[in-house]
mmCIF file of all heavy atoms, coordinates in Angstrom:
data_MODEL
# 
_entry.id   MODEL 
# 
loop_
_atom_site.group_PDB 
_atom_site.id 
_atom_site.type_symbol 
_atom_site.label_atom_id 
_atom_site.label_alt_id 
_atom_site.label_comp_id 
_atom_site.label_asym_id 
_atom_site.label_entity_id 
_atom_site.label_seq_id 
_atom_site.pdbx_PDB_ins_code 
_atom_site.Cartn_x 
_atom_site.Cartn_y 
_atom_site.Cartn_z 
_atom_site.occupancy 
_atom_site.B_iso_or_equiv 
_atom_site.pdbx_formal_charge 
_atom_site.auth_seq_id 
_atom_site.auth_comp_id 
_atom_site.auth_asym_id 
_atom_site.auth_atom_id 
_atom_site.pdbx_PDB_model_num 
ATOM 1   N N   . VAL A 1 1  ? -65.988 9.917  -86.528  1.00 0.00 ? 1  VAL A N   1 
ATOM 2   C CA  . VAL A 1 1  ? -65.703 9.811  -85.097  1.00 0.00 ? 1  VAL A CA  1 
ATOM 3   C C   . VAL A 1 1  ? -65.989 8.385  -84.637  1.00 0.00 ? 1  VAL A C   1 
ATOM 4   O O   . VAL A 1 1  ? -67.098 7.877  -84.803  1.00 0.00 ? 1  VAL A O   1 
ATOM 5   C CB  . VAL A 1 1  ? -66.547 10.813 -84.287  1.00 0.00 ? 1  VAL A CB  1 
ATOM 6   C CG1 . VAL A 1 1  ? -66.199 10.702 -82.803  1.00 0.00 ? 1  VAL A CG1 1 
ATOM 7   C CG2 . VAL A 1 1  ? -66.309 12.239 -84.788  1.00 0.00 ? 1  VAL A CG2 1 
ATOM 8   N N   . LEU A 1 2  ? -64.991 7.743  -84.030  1.00 0.00 ? 2  LEU A N   1 
ATOM 9   C CA  . LEU A 1 2  ? -65.124 6.377  -83.530  1.00 0.00 ? 2  LEU A CA  1 
ATOM 10  C C   . LEU A 1 2  ? -65.383 6.325  -82.031  1.00 0.00 ? 2  LEU A C   1 
ATOM 11  O O   . LEU A 1 2  ? -65.938 5.340  -81.530  1.00 0.00 ? 2  LEU A O   1 
ATOM 12  C CB  . LEU A 1 2  ? -63.850 5.580  -83.849  1.00 0.00 ? 2  LEU A CB  1 
ATOM 13  C CG  . LEU A 1 2  ? -63.370 5.607  -85.301  1.00 0.00 ? 2  LEU A CG  1 
ATOM 14  C CD1 . LEU A 1 2  ? -62.100 4.780  -85.440  1.00 0.00 ? 2  LEU A CD1 1 
ATOM 15  C CD2 . LEU A 1 2  ? -64.455 5.104  -86.247  1.00 0.00 ? 2  LEU A CD2 1 
ATOM 16  N N   . LYS A 1 3  ? -64.972 7.379  -81.323  1.00 0.00 ? 3  LYS A N   1 
ATOM 17  C CA  . LYS A 1 3  ? -65.097 7.374  -79.866  1.00 0.00 ? 3  LYS A CA  1 
ATOM 18  C C   . LYS A 1 3  ? -64.961 8.807  -79.356  1.00 0.00 ? 3  LYS A C   1 
ATOM 19  O O   . LYS A 1 3  ? -64.182 9.596  -79.893  1.00 0.00 ? 3  LYS A O   1 
ATOM 20  C CB  . LYS A 1 3  ? -64.007 6.484  -79.238  1.00 0.00 ? 3  LYS A CB  1 
ATOM 21  C CG  . LYS A 1 3  ? -63.826 6.607  -77.730  1.00 0.00 ? 3  LYS A CG  1 
ATOM 22  C CD  . LYS A 1 3  ? -65.029 6.104  -76.944  1.00 0.00 ? 3  LYS A CD  1 
ATOM 23  C CE  . LYS A 1 3  ? -64.812 6.242  -75.432  1.00 0.00 ? 3  LYS A CE  1 
ATOM 24  N NZ  . LYS A 1 3  ? -66.019 5.897  -74.669  1.00 0.00 ? 3  LYS A NZ  1 
ATOM 25  N N   . THR A 1 4  ? -65.719 9.130  -78.309  1.00 0.00 ? 4  THR A N   1 
ATOM 26  C CA  . THR A 1 4  ? -65.629 10.438 -77.663  1.00 0.00 ? 4  THR A CA  1 
ATOM 27  C C   . THR A 1 4  ? -65.198 10.246 -76.211  1.00 0.00 ? 4  THR A C   1 
ATOM 28  O O   . THR A 1 4  ? -65.745 9.394  -75.510  1.00 0.00 ? 4  THR A O   1 
ATOM 29  C CB  . THR A 1 4  ? -66.980 11.171 -77.711  1.00 0.00 ? 4  THR A CB  1 
ATOM 30  O OG1 . THR A 1 4  ? -67.380 11.313 -79.078  1.00 0.00 ? 4  THR A OG1 1 
ATOM 31  C CG2 . THR A 1 4  ? -66.883 12.542 -77.065  1.00 0.00 ? 4  THR A CG2 1 
ATOM 32  N N   . TYR A 1 5  ? -64.214 11.026 -75.789  1.00 0.00 ? 5  TYR A N   1 
ATOM 33  C CA  . TYR A 1 5  ? -63.749 11.012 -74.406  1.00 0.00 ? 5  TYR A CA  1 
ATOM 34  C C   . TYR A 1 5  ? -63.942 12.405 -73.790  1.00 0.00 ? 5  TYR A C   1 
ATOM 35  O O   . TYR A 1 5  ? -63.857 13.409 -74.493  1.00 0.00 ? 5  TYR A O   1 
ATOM 36  C CB  . TYR A 1 5  ? -62.260 10.671 -74.294  1.00 0.00 ? 5  TYR A CB  1 
ATOM 37  C CG  . TYR A 1 5  ? -61.813 9.380  -74.920  1.00 0.00 ? 5  TYR A CG  1 
ATOM 38  C CD1 . TYR A 1 5  ? -61.350 9.355  -76.236  1.00 0.00 ? 5  TYR A CD1 1 
ATOM 39  C CD2 . TYR A 1 5  ? -61.808 8.188  -74.206  1.00 0.00 ? 5  TYR A CD2 1 
ATOM 40  C CE1 . TYR A 1 5  ? -60.904 8.180  -76.822  1.00 0.00 ? 5  TYR A CE1 1 
ATOM 41  C CE2 . TYR A 1 5  ? -61.360 7.002  -74.785  1.00 0.00 ? 5  TYR A CE2 1 
ATOM 42  C CZ  . TYR A 1 5  ? -60.916 7.013  -76.091  1.00 0.00 ? 5  TYR A CZ  1 
ATOM 43  O OH  . TYR A 1 5  ? -60.471 5.850  -76.668  1.00 0.00 ? 5  TYR A OH  1 
ATOM 44  N N   . TYR A 1 6  ? -64.170 12.439 -72.495  1.00 0.00 ? 6  TYR A N   1 
ATOM 45  C CA  . TYR A 1 6  ? -64.042 13.684 -71.731  1.00 0.00 ? 6  TYR A CA  1 
ATOM 46  C C   . TYR A 1 6  ? -62.924 13.473 -70.721  1.00 0.00 ? 6  TYR A C   1 
ATOM 47  O O   . TYR A 1 6  ? -63.071 12.715 -69.768  1.00 0.00 ? 6  TYR A O   1 
ATOM 48  C CB  . TYR A 1 6  ? -65.358 14.057 -71.036  1.00 0.00 ? 6  TYR A CB  1 
ATOM 49  C CG  . TYR A 1 6  ? -66.283 14.851 -71.929  1.00 0.00 ? 6  TYR A CG  1 
ATOM 50  C CD1 . TYR A 1 6  ? -67.261 14.218 -72.677  1.00 0.00 ? 6  TYR A CD1 1 
ATOM 51  C CD2 . TYR A 1 6  ? -66.146 16.235 -72.049  1.00 0.00 ? 6  TYR A CD2 1 
ATOM 52  C CE1 . TYR A 1 6  ? -68.098 14.937 -73.516  1.00 0.00 ? 6  TYR A CE1 1 
ATOM 53  C CE2 . TYR A 1 6  ? -66.983 16.963 -72.892  1.00 0.00 ? 6  TYR A CE2 1 
ATOM 54  C CZ  . TYR A 1 6  ? -67.952 16.310 -73.616  1.00 0.00 ? 6  TYR A CZ  1 
ATOM 55  O OH  . TYR A 1 6  ? -68.772 17.034 -74.447  1.00 0.00 ? 6  TYR A OH  1 
ATOM 56  N N   . THR A 1 7  ? -61.793 14.104 -70.960  1.00 0.00 ? 7  THR A N   1 
ATOM 57  C CA  . THR A 1 7  ? -60.621 13.906 -70.116  1.00 0.00 ? 7  THR A CA  1 
ATOM 58  C C   . THR A 1 7  ? -60.608 14.943 -69.000  1.00 0.00 ? 7  THR A C   1 
ATOM 59  O O   . THR A 1 7  ? -61.095 16.072 -69.185  1.00 0.00 ? 7  THR A O   1 
ATOM 60  C CB  . THR A 1 7  ? -59.329 14.031 -70.933  1.00 0.00 ? 7  THR A CB  1 
ATOM 61  O OG1 . THR A 1 7  ? -59.225 15.372 -71.429  1.00 0.00 ? 7  THR A OG1 1 
ATOM 62  C CG2 . THR A 1 7  ? -59.354 13.075 -72.119  1.00 0.00 ? 7  THR A CG2 1 
ATOM 63  N N   . PRO A 1 8  ? -60.059 14.590 -67.837  1.00 0.00 ? 8  PRO A N   1 
ATOM 64  C CA  . PRO A 1 8  ? -60.004 15.553 -66.728  1.00 0.00 ? 8  PRO A CA  1 
ATOM 65  C C   . PRO A 1 8  ? -59.178 16.793 -67.068  1.00 0.00 ? 8  PRO A C   1 
ATOM 66  O O   . PRO A 1 8  ? -59.472 17.886 -66.608  1.00 0.00 ? 8  PRO A O   1 
ATOM 67  C CB  . PRO A 1 8  ? -59.360 14.751 -65.591  1.00 0.00 ? 8  PRO A CB  1 
ATOM 68  C CG  . PRO A 1 8  ? -59.549 13.313 -65.952  1.00 0.00 ? 8  PRO A CG  1 
ATOM 69  C CD  . PRO A 1 8  ? -59.549 13.270 -67.449  1.00 0.00 ? 8  PRO A CD  1 
ATOM 70  N N   . GLN A 1 9  ? -58.139 16.622 -67.921  1.00 0.00 ? 9  GLN A N   1 
ATOM 71  C CA  . GLN A 1 9  ? -57.247 17.752 -68.192  1.00 0.00 ? 9  GLN A CA  1 
ATOM 72  C C   . GLN A 1 9  ? -57.682 18.547 -69.422  1.00 0.00 ? 9  GLN A C   1 
ATOM 73  O O   . GLN A 1 9  ? -57.823 19.764 -69.370  1.00 0.00 ? 9  GLN A O   1 
ATOM 74  C CB  . GLN A 1 9  ? -55.812 17.245 -68.413  1.00 0.00 ? 9  GLN A CB  1 
ATOM 75  C CG  . GLN A 1 9  ? -55.240 16.445 -67.258  1.00 0.00 ? 9  GLN A CG  1 
ATOM 76  C CD  . GLN A 1 9  ? -55.624 14.976 -67.307  1.00 0.00 ? 9  GLN A CD  1 
ATOM 77  O OE1 . GLN A 1 9  ? -56.135 14.494 -68.306  1.00 0.00 ? 9  GLN A OE1 1 
ATOM 78  N NE2 . GLN A 1 9  ? -55.380 14.277 -66.207  1.00 0.00 ? 9  GLN A NE2 1 
ATOM 79  N N   . GLY A 1 10 ? -57.900 17.857 -70.538  1.00 0.00 ? 10 GLY A N   1 
ATOM 80  C CA  . GLY A 1 10 ? -58.069 18.556 -71.800  1.00 0.00 ? 10 GLY A CA  1 
ATOM 81  C C   . GLY A 1 10 ? -59.484 18.680 -72.303  1.00 0.00 ? 10 GLY A C   1 
ATOM 82  O O   . GLY A 1 10 ? -59.704 19.134 -73.419  1.00 0.00 ? 10 GLY A O   1 
ATOM 83  N N   . GLY A 1 11 ? -60.474 18.248 -71.534  1.00 0.00 ? 11 GLY A N   1 
ATOM 84  C CA  . GLY A 1 11 ? -61.847 18.356 -71.991  1.00 0.00 ? 11 GLY A CA  1 
ATOM 85  C C   . GLY A 1 11 ? -62.183 17.295 -73.015  1.00 0.00 ? 11 GLY A C   1 
ATOM 86  O O   . GLY A 1 11 ? -61.725 16.149 -72.930  1.00 0.00 ? 11 GLY A O   1 
ATOM 87  N N   . LYS A 1 12 ? -62.940 17.683 -74.037  1.00 0.00 ? 12 LYS A N   1 
ATOM 88  C CA  . LYS A 1 12 ? -63.454 16.726 -75.011  1.00 0.00 ? 12 LYS A CA  1 
ATOM 89  C C   . LYS A 1 12 ? -62.379 16.316 -76.009  1.00 0.00 ? 12 LYS A C   1 
ATOM 90  O O   . LYS A 1 12 ? -61.639 17.140 -76.523  1.00 0.00 ? 12 LYS A O   1 
ATOM 91  C CB  . LYS A 1 12 ? -64.653 17.331 -75.750  1.00 0.00 ? 12 LYS A CB  1 
ATOM 92  C CG  . LYS A 1 12 ? -65.346 16.361 -76.690  1.00 0.00 ? 12 LYS A CG  1 
ATOM 93  C CD  . LYS A 1 12 ? -66.593 16.986 -77.293  1.00 0.00 ? 12 LYS A CD  1 
ATOM 94  C CE  . LYS A 1 12 ? -67.299 16.014 -78.214  1.00 0.00 ? 12 LYS A CE  1 
ATOM 95  N NZ  . LYS A 1 12 ? -68.529 16.585 -78.788  1.00 0.00 ? 12 LYS A NZ  1 
ATOM 96  N N   . LEU A 1 13 ? -62.327 15.008 -76.277  1.00 0.00 ? 13 LEU A N   1 
ATOM 97  C CA  . LEU A 1 13 ? -61.364 14.441 -77.216  1.00 0.00 ? 13 LEU A CA  1 
ATOM 98  C C   . LEU A 1 13 ? -62.126 13.461 -78.105  1.00 0.00 ? 13 LEU A C   1 
ATOM 99  O O   . LEU A 1 13 ? -62.814 12.565 -77.604  1.00 0.00 ? 13 LEU A O   1 
ATOM 100 C CB  . LEU A 1 13 ? -60.249 13.723 -76.455  1.00 0.00 ? 13 LEU A CB  1 
ATOM 101 C CG  . LEU A 1 13 ? -58.882 13.570 -77.117  1.00 0.00 ? 13 LEU A CG  1 
ATOM 102 C CD1 . LEU A 1 13 ? -58.284 14.934 -77.437  1.00 0.00 ? 13 LEU A CD1 1 
ATOM 103 C CD2 . LEU A 1 13 ? -57.960 12.781 -76.208  1.00 0.00 ? 13 LEU A CD2 1 
ATOM 104 N N   . SER A 1 14 ? -61.999 13.614 -79.430  1.00 0.00 ? 14 SER A N   1 
ATOM 105 C CA  . SER A 1 14 ? -62.705 12.754 -80.383  1.00 0.00 ? 14 SER A CA  1 
ATOM 106 C C   . SER A 1 14 ? -61.702 11.907 -81.144  1.00 0.00 ? 14 SER A C   1 
ATOM 107 O O   . SER A 1 14 ? -60.809 12.440 -81.818  1.00 0.00 ? 14 SER A O   1 
ATOM 108 C CB  . SER A 1 14 ? -63.520 13.595 -81.375  1.00 0.00 ? 14 SER A CB  1 
ATOM 109 O OG  . SER A 1 14 ? -64.477 14.399 -80.707  1.00 0.00 ? 14 SER A OG  1 
ATOM 110 N N   . LEU A 1 15 ? -61.823 10.584 -81.038  1.00 0.00 ? 15 LEU A N   1 
ATOM 111 C CA  . LEU A 1 15 ? -60.972 9.656  -81.785  1.00 0.00 ? 15 LEU A CA  1 
ATOM 112 C C   . LEU A 1 15 ? -61.584 9.473  -83.172  1.00 0.00 ? 15 LEU A C   1 
ATOM 113 O O   . LEU A 1 15 ? -62.742 9.062  -83.290  1.00 0.00 ? 15 LEU A O   1 
ATOM 114 C CB  . LEU A 1 15 ? -60.882 8.316  -81.054  1.00 0.00 ? 15 LEU A CB  1 
ATOM 115 C CG  . LEU A 1 15 ? -59.854 7.310  -81.563  1.00 0.00 ? 15 LEU A CG  1 
ATOM 116 C CD1 . LEU A 1 15 ? -58.440 7.806  -81.263  1.00 0.00 ? 15 LEU A CD1 1 
ATOM 117 C CD2 . LEU A 1 15 ? -60.072 5.937  -80.937  1.00 0.00 ? 15 LEU A CD2 1 
ATOM 118 N N   . VAL A 1 16 ? -60.829 9.794  -84.232  1.00 0.00 ? 16 VAL A N   1 
ATOM 119 C CA  . VAL A 1 16 ? -61.397 9.793  -85.578  1.00 0.00 ? 16 VAL A CA  1 
ATOM 120 C C   . VAL A 1 16 ? -60.542 8.974  -86.533  1.00 0.00 ? 16 VAL A C   1 
ATOM 121 O O   . VAL A 1 16 ? -59.318 8.879  -86.389  1.00 0.00 ? 16 VAL A O   1 
ATOM 122 C CB  . VAL A 1 16 ? -61.562 11.224 -86.142  1.00 0.00 ? 16 VAL A CB  1 
ATOM 123 C CG1 . VAL A 1 16 ? -62.403 12.080 -85.210  1.00 0.00 ? 16 VAL A CG1 1 
ATOM 124 C CG2 . VAL A 1 16 ? -60.212 11.885 -86.388  1.00 0.00 ? 16 VAL A CG2 1 
ATOM 125 N N   . ARG A 1 17 ? -61.219 8.372  -87.509  1.00 0.00 ? 17 ARG A N   1 
ATOM 126 C CA  . ARG A 1 17 ? -60.537 7.717  -88.636  1.00 0.00 ? 17 ARG A CA  1 
ATOM 127 C C   . ARG A 1 17 ? -60.542 8.695  -89.797  1.00 0.00 ? 17 ARG A C   1 
ATOM 128 O O   . ARG A 1 17 ? -61.584 9.205  -90.201  1.00 0.00 ? 17 ARG A O   1 
ATOM 129 C CB  . ARG A 1 17 ? -61.273 6.442  -89.033  1.00 0.00 ? 17 ARG A CB  1 
ATOM 130 C CG  . ARG A 1 17 ? -60.928 5.880  -90.434  1.00 0.00 ? 17 ARG A CG  1 
ATOM 131 C CD  . ARG A 1 17 ? -59.568 5.211  -90.466  1.00 0.00 ? 17 ARG A CD  1 
ATOM 132 N NE  . ARG A 1 17 ? -59.179 4.814  -91.826  1.00 0.00 ? 17 ARG A NE  1 
ATOM 133 C CZ  . ARG A 1 17 ? -59.015 3.559  -92.221  1.00 0.00 ? 17 ARG A CZ  1 
ATOM 134 N NH1 . ARG A 1 17 ? -59.242 2.566  -91.375  1.00 0.00 ? 17 ARG A NH1 1 
ATOM 135 N NH2 . ARG A 1 17 ? -58.631 3.283  -93.444  1.00 0.00 ? 17 ARG A NH2 1 
ATOM 136 N N   . VAL A 1 18 ? -59.351 8.959  -90.342  1.00 0.00 ? 18 VAL A N   1 
ATOM 137 C CA  . VAL A 1 18 ? -59.235 9.843  -91.502  1.00 0.00 ? 18 VAL A CA  1 
ATOM 138 C C   . VAL A 1 18 ? -59.385 8.986  -92.754  1.00 0.00 ? 18 VAL A C   1 
ATOM 139 O O   . VAL A 1 18 ? -58.544 8.134  -93.039  1.00 0.00 ? 18 VAL A O   1 
ATOM 140 C CB  . VAL A 1 18 ? -57.883 10.584 -91.521  1.00 0.00 ? 18 VAL A CB  1 
ATOM 141 C CG1 . VAL A 1 18 ? -57.875 11.614 -92.645  1.00 0.00 ? 18 VAL A CG1 1 
ATOM 142 C CG2 . VAL A 1 18 ? -57.596 11.242 -90.182  1.00 0.00 ? 18 VAL A CG2 1 
ATOM 143 N N   . TRP A 1 19 ? -60.456 9.207  -93.506  1.00 0.00 ? 19 TRP A N   1 
ATOM 144 C CA  . TRP A 1 19 ? -60.710 8.411  -94.701  1.00 0.00 ? 19 TRP A CA  1 
ATOM 145 C C   . TRP A 1 19 ? -60.115 9.057  -95.953  1.00 0.00 ? 19 TRP A C   1 
ATOM 146 O O   . TRP A 1 19 ? -59.747 8.363  -96.903  1.00 0.00 ? 19 TRP A O   1 
ATOM 147 C CB  . TRP A 1 19 ? -62.209 8.204  -94.897  1.00 0.00 ? 19 TRP A CB  1 
ATOM 148 C CG  . TRP A 1 19 ? -62.819 7.295  -93.888  1.00 0.00 ? 19 TRP A CG  1 
ATOM 149 C CD1 . TRP A 1 19 ? -63.581 7.632  -92.807  1.00 0.00 ? 19 TRP A CD1 1 
ATOM 150 C CD2 . TRP A 1 19 ? -62.697 5.871  -93.850  1.00 0.00 ? 19 TRP A CD2 1 
ATOM 151 N NE1 . TRP A 1 19 ? -63.947 6.515  -92.091  1.00 0.00 ? 19 TRP A NE1 1 
ATOM 152 C CE2 . TRP A 1 19 ? -63.414 5.408  -92.720  1.00 0.00 ? 19 TRP A CE2 1 
ATOM 153 C CE3 . TRP A 1 19 ? -62.063 4.925  -94.649  1.00 0.00 ? 19 TRP A CE3 1 
ATOM 154 C CZ2 . TRP A 1 19 ? -63.519 4.070  -92.380  1.00 0.00 ? 19 TRP A CZ2 1 
ATOM 155 C CZ3 . TRP A 1 19 ? -62.155 3.579  -94.316  1.00 0.00 ? 19 TRP A CZ3 1 
ATOM 156 C CH2 . TRP A 1 19 ? -62.880 3.169  -93.194  1.00 0.00 ? 19 TRP A CH2 1 
ATOM 157 N N   . GLN A 1 20 ? -60.054 10.371 -95.975  1.00 0.00 ? 20 GLN A N   1 
ATOM 158 C CA  . GLN A 1 20 ? -59.600 11.067 -97.173  1.00 0.00 ? 20 GLN A CA  1 
ATOM 159 C C   . GLN A 1 20 ? -58.967 12.393 -96.787  1.00 0.00 ? 20 GLN A C   1 
ATOM 160 O O   . GLN A 1 20 ? -59.359 13.008 -95.794  1.00 0.00 ? 20 GLN A O   1 
ATOM 161 C CB  . GLN A 1 20 ? -60.798 11.309 -98.098  1.00 0.00 ? 20 GLN A CB  1 
ATOM 162 C CG  . GLN A 1 20 ? -60.492 12.121 -99.344  1.00 0.00 ? 20 GLN A CG  1 
ATOM 163 C CD  . GLN A 1 20 ? -61.735 12.338 -100.184 1.00 0.00 ? 20 GLN A CD  1 
ATOM 164 O OE1 . GLN A 1 20 ? -62.171 11.446 -100.894 1.00 0.00 ? 20 GLN A OE1 1 
ATOM 165 N NE2 . GLN A 1 20 ? -62.325 13.524 -100.084 1.00 0.00 ? 20 GLN A NE2 1 
ATOM 166 N N   . GLY A 1 21 ? -58.004 12.836 -97.572  1.00 0.00 ? 21 GLY A N   1 
ATOM 167 C CA  . GLY A 1 21 ? -57.374 14.121 -97.312  1.00 0.00 ? 21 GLY A CA  1 
ATOM 168 C C   . GLY A 1 21 ? -56.501 14.071 -96.067  1.00 0.00 ? 21 GLY A C   1 
ATOM 169 O O   . GLY A 1 21 ? -56.019 13.019 -95.664  1.00 0.00 ? 21 GLY A O   1 
ATOM 170 N N   . SER A 1 22 ? -56.315 15.218 -95.452  1.00 0.00 ? 22 SER A N   1 
ATOM 171 C CA  . SER A 1 22 ? -55.503 15.290 -94.242  1.00 0.00 ? 22 SER A CA  1 
ATOM 172 C C   . SER A 1 22 ? -56.176 16.211 -93.233  1.00 0.00 ? 22 SER A C   1 
ATOM 173 O O   . SER A 1 22 ? -56.970 17.083 -93.596  1.00 0.00 ? 22 SER A O   1 
ATOM 174 C CB  . SER A 1 22 ? -54.095 15.803 -94.562  1.00 0.00 ? 22 SER A CB  1 
ATOM 175 O OG  . SER A 1 22 ? -54.159 17.116 -95.100  1.00 0.00 ? 22 SER A OG  1 
ATOM 176 N N   . LEU A 1 23 ? -55.866 15.985 -91.963  1.00 0.00 ? 23 LEU A N   1 
ATOM 177 C CA  . LEU A 1 23 ? -56.355 16.828 -90.879  1.00 0.00 ? 23 LEU A CA  1 
ATOM 178 C C   . LEU A 1 23 ? -55.179 17.618 -90.307  1.00 0.00 ? 23 LEU A C   1 
ATOM 179 O O   . LEU A 1 23 ? -54.066 17.102 -90.208  1.00 0.00 ? 23 LEU A O   1 
ATOM 180 C CB  . LEU A 1 23 ? -56.993 15.991 -89.767  1.00 0.00 ? 23 LEU A CB  1 
ATOM 181 C CG  . LEU A 1 23 ? -58.173 15.093 -90.142  1.00 0.00 ? 23 LEU A CG  1 
ATOM 182 C CD1 . LEU A 1 23 ? -58.732 14.410 -88.896  1.00 0.00 ? 23 LEU A CD1 1 
ATOM 183 C CD2 . LEU A 1 23 ? -59.261 15.880 -90.855  1.00 0.00 ? 23 LEU A CD2 1 
ATOM 184 N N   . THR A 1 24 ? -55.448 18.850 -89.929  1.00 0.00 ? 24 THR A N   1 
ATOM 185 C CA  . THR A 1 24 ? -54.423 19.689 -89.315  1.00 0.00 ? 24 THR A CA  1 
ATOM 186 C C   . THR A 1 24 ? -54.962 20.282 -88.025  1.00 0.00 ? 24 THR A C   1 
ATOM 187 O O   . THR A 1 24 ? -56.181 20.322 -87.803  1.00 0.00 ? 24 THR A O   1 
ATOM 188 C CB  . THR A 1 24 ? -54.001 20.830 -90.255  1.00 0.00 ? 24 THR A CB  1 
ATOM 189 O OG1 . THR A 1 24 ? -55.174 21.574 -90.623  1.00 0.00 ? 24 THR A OG1 1 
ATOM 190 C CG2 . THR A 1 24 ? -53.326 20.287 -91.497  1.00 0.00 ? 24 THR A CG2 1 
# 
């Protein structure tokens, strides 16, 4: 996780760097 946001619409949002594999 590089950054955490709390947005007015969608709640918590985590900006992440994917180092290995894939995220779904």
